[in-house]
Amino acid sequence: MHLPQGIEAEWVKQLVAEQLRTAKDRRGFARQEWAKLRERNEALDCAVLARAALWLLGADRYGERFWARLREDVANAPLQPREMPTGGNVAPPAPPPVAPDTHRPRGWLAPRSGWLR
């Protein structure tokens, strides 16, 4: 895991707020469970959810060549400030949605959208 340089100590403490322990159940069988070391663990929860989202997007299927090329592209990318659109470049607002036609014909053979003429 890569951490930014200006990270706060509290965030790191939250990131390592749980520990995997082996415990025995009432029948004597060993099982593993996560035990909290600190009360707050929001950073750990966020990291786990972000990792799950990466897995759902298929990031585990990408090879090492993909990640090396991405690192190189990001390292070589020029830092340019993004331009905010001015008054003349703003797209007009979208038209309001049209309400669907709720009128239903009474007969079962009534024409619907032109299929029976």
Protein backbone atom coordinates (compact mmCIF):
# COMPACT_ATOMS: atom_id res chain seq x y z
CA MET A 1 0.00 0.00 0.00
CA HIS A 2 1.32 3.42 -0.93
CA LEU A 3 0.71 6.20 1.59
CA PRO A 4 0.96 9.92 0.82
CA GLN A 5 3.71 11.98 2.46
CA GLY A 6 1.46 14.29 4.48
CA ILE A 7 -0.58 11.54 6.13
CA GLU A 8 -1.66 12.02 9.74
CA ALA A 9 -0.73 9.60 12.50
CA GLU A 10 -4.39 9.13 13.47
CA TRP A 11 -5.23 7.88 9.99
CA VAL A 12 -2.42 5.31 10.12
CA LYS A 13 -3.58 4.16 13.56
CA GLN A 14 -7.08 3.66 12.18
CA LEU A 15 -5.65 1.76 9.21
CA VAL A 16 -4.04 -0.81 11.52
CA ALA A 17 -6.84 -0.86 14.10
CA GLU A 18 -7.61 -4.58 13.78
CA GLN A 19 -5.59 -7.77 14.13
CA LEU A 20 -6.26 -11.31 12.93
CA ARG A 21 -6.21 -13.68 15.89
CA THR A 22 -6.73 -17.39 16.31
CA ALA A 23 -9.32 -18.28 18.94
CA LYS A 24 -10.86 -21.56 20.03
CA ASP A 25 -14.61 -21.99 20.00
CA ARG A 26 -16.52 -23.79 22.75
CA ARG A 27 -15.83 -27.20 21.17
CA GLY A 28 -12.07 -26.54 21.09
CA PHE A 29 -11.74 -25.92 17.33
CA ALA A 30 -9.45 -23.12 16.23
CA ARG A 31 -10.97 -20.31 14.18
CA GLN A 32 -9.67 -16.98 13.04
CA GLU A 33 -11.35 -13.71 13.91
CA TRP A 34 -10.58 -10.01 13.56
CA ALA A 35 -10.12 -8.27 16.90
CA LYS A 36 -10.20 -4.49 17.31
CA LEU A 37 -7.09 -2.95 18.80
CA ARG A 38 -8.54 0.59 18.80
CA GLU A 39 -12.07 1.93 18.90
CA ARG A 40 -11.91 3.90 15.64
CA ASN A 41 -11.22 2.09 12.36
CA GLU A 42 -12.89 4.19 9.65
CA ALA A 43 -9.70 4.36 7.56
CA LEU A 44 -9.48 0.57 7.52
CA ASP A 45 -13.12 0.31 6.44
CA CYS A 46 -12.50 2.78 3.60
CA ALA A 47 -9.40 0.87 2.47
CA VAL A 48 -11.27 -2.44 2.46
CA LEU A 49 -14.17 -0.98 0.46
CA ALA A 50 -11.78 0.61 -2.04
CA ARG A 51 -10.00 -2.73 -2.47
CA ALA A 52 -13.33 -4.48 -3.04
CA ALA A 53 -14.26 -1.89 -5.68
CA LEU A 54 -10.94 -2.50 -7.45
CA TRP A 55 -11.62 -6.22 -7.46
CA LEU A 56 -15.11 -5.66 -8.90
CA LEU A 57 -13.61 -3.51 -11.66
CA GLY A 58 -11.23 -6.33 -12.55
CA ALA A 59 -7.95 -4.75 -11.45
CA ASP A 60 -6.65 -8.15 -10.28
CA ARG A 61 -6.73 -9.43 -13.87
CA TYR A 62 -4.36 -6.76 -15.18
CA GLY A 63 -0.78 -7.90 -15.60
CA GLU A 64 2.38 -6.30 -14.29
CA ARG A 65 3.06 -4.77 -17.72
CA PHE A 66 -0.20 -2.79 -17.47
CA TRP A 67 0.70 -1.36 -14.04
CA ALA A 68 4.28 -0.56 -15.11
CA ARG A 69 3.00 1.30 -18.18
CA LEU A 70 0.44 3.17 -16.06
CA ARG A 71 3.14 4.21 -13.56
CA GLU A 72 5.30 5.43 -16.43
CA ASP A 73 2.42 7.37 -18.03
CA VAL A 74 1.56 9.06 -14.74
CA ALA A 75 5.20 9.89 -14.00
CA ASN A 76 5.70 11.45 -17.43
CA ALA A 77 2.40 13.31 -17.57
CA PRO A 78 2.77 17.10 -17.56
CA LEU A 79 1.07 18.91 -14.72
CA GLN A 80 -1.38 21.33 -16.29
CA PRO A 81 -4.10 23.23 -14.49
CA ARG A 82 -7.56 22.40 -15.76
CA GLU A 83 -9.42 25.24 -17.39
CA MET A 84 -12.83 26.12 -16.08
CA PRO A 85 -15.42 26.78 -18.79
CA THR A 86 -16.27 30.40 -19.36
CA GLY A 87 -19.72 31.79 -20.05
CA GLY A 88 -19.52 31.16 -23.81
CA ASN A 89 -18.32 27.55 -23.52
CA VAL A 90 -21.02 26.26 -21.19
CA ALA A 91 -23.46 23.81 -22.75
CA PRO A 92 -27.14 24.76 -22.59
CA PRO A 93 -29.23 22.93 -19.99
CA ALA A 94 -30.91 19.73 -21.08
CA PRO A 95 -34.61 19.98 -21.95
CA PRO A 96 -37.01 18.73 -19.29
CA PRO A 97 -38.11 15.10 -19.70
CA VAL A 98 -41.36 14.50 -21.56
CA ALA A 99 -44.09 12.92 -19.47
CA PRO A 100 -45.19 9.51 -20.80
CA ASP A 101 -48.62 9.20 -22.37
CA THR A 102 -50.84 7.63 -19.73
CA HIS A 103 -53.97 7.34 -21.93
CA ARG A 104 -54.92 3.70 -22.46
CA PRO A 105 -57.44 2.59 -25.07
CA ARG A 106 -60.47 0.71 -23.78
CA GLY A 107 -60.66 -2.24 -26.19
CA TRP A 108 -58.23 -5.10 -26.36
CA LEU A 109 -57.88 -4.66 -30.13
CA ALA A 110 -57.37 -0.92 -29.99
CA PRO A 111 -54.38 0.28 -32.03
CA ARG A 112 -51.21 0.64 -29.99
CA SER A 113 -48.31 2.55 -31.50
CA GLY A 114 -49.45 1.73 -35.02
CA TRP A 115 -49.07 -2.06 -35.00
CA LEU A 116 -52.74 -2.68 -35.94
CA ARG A 117 -54.08 -0.56 -38.79
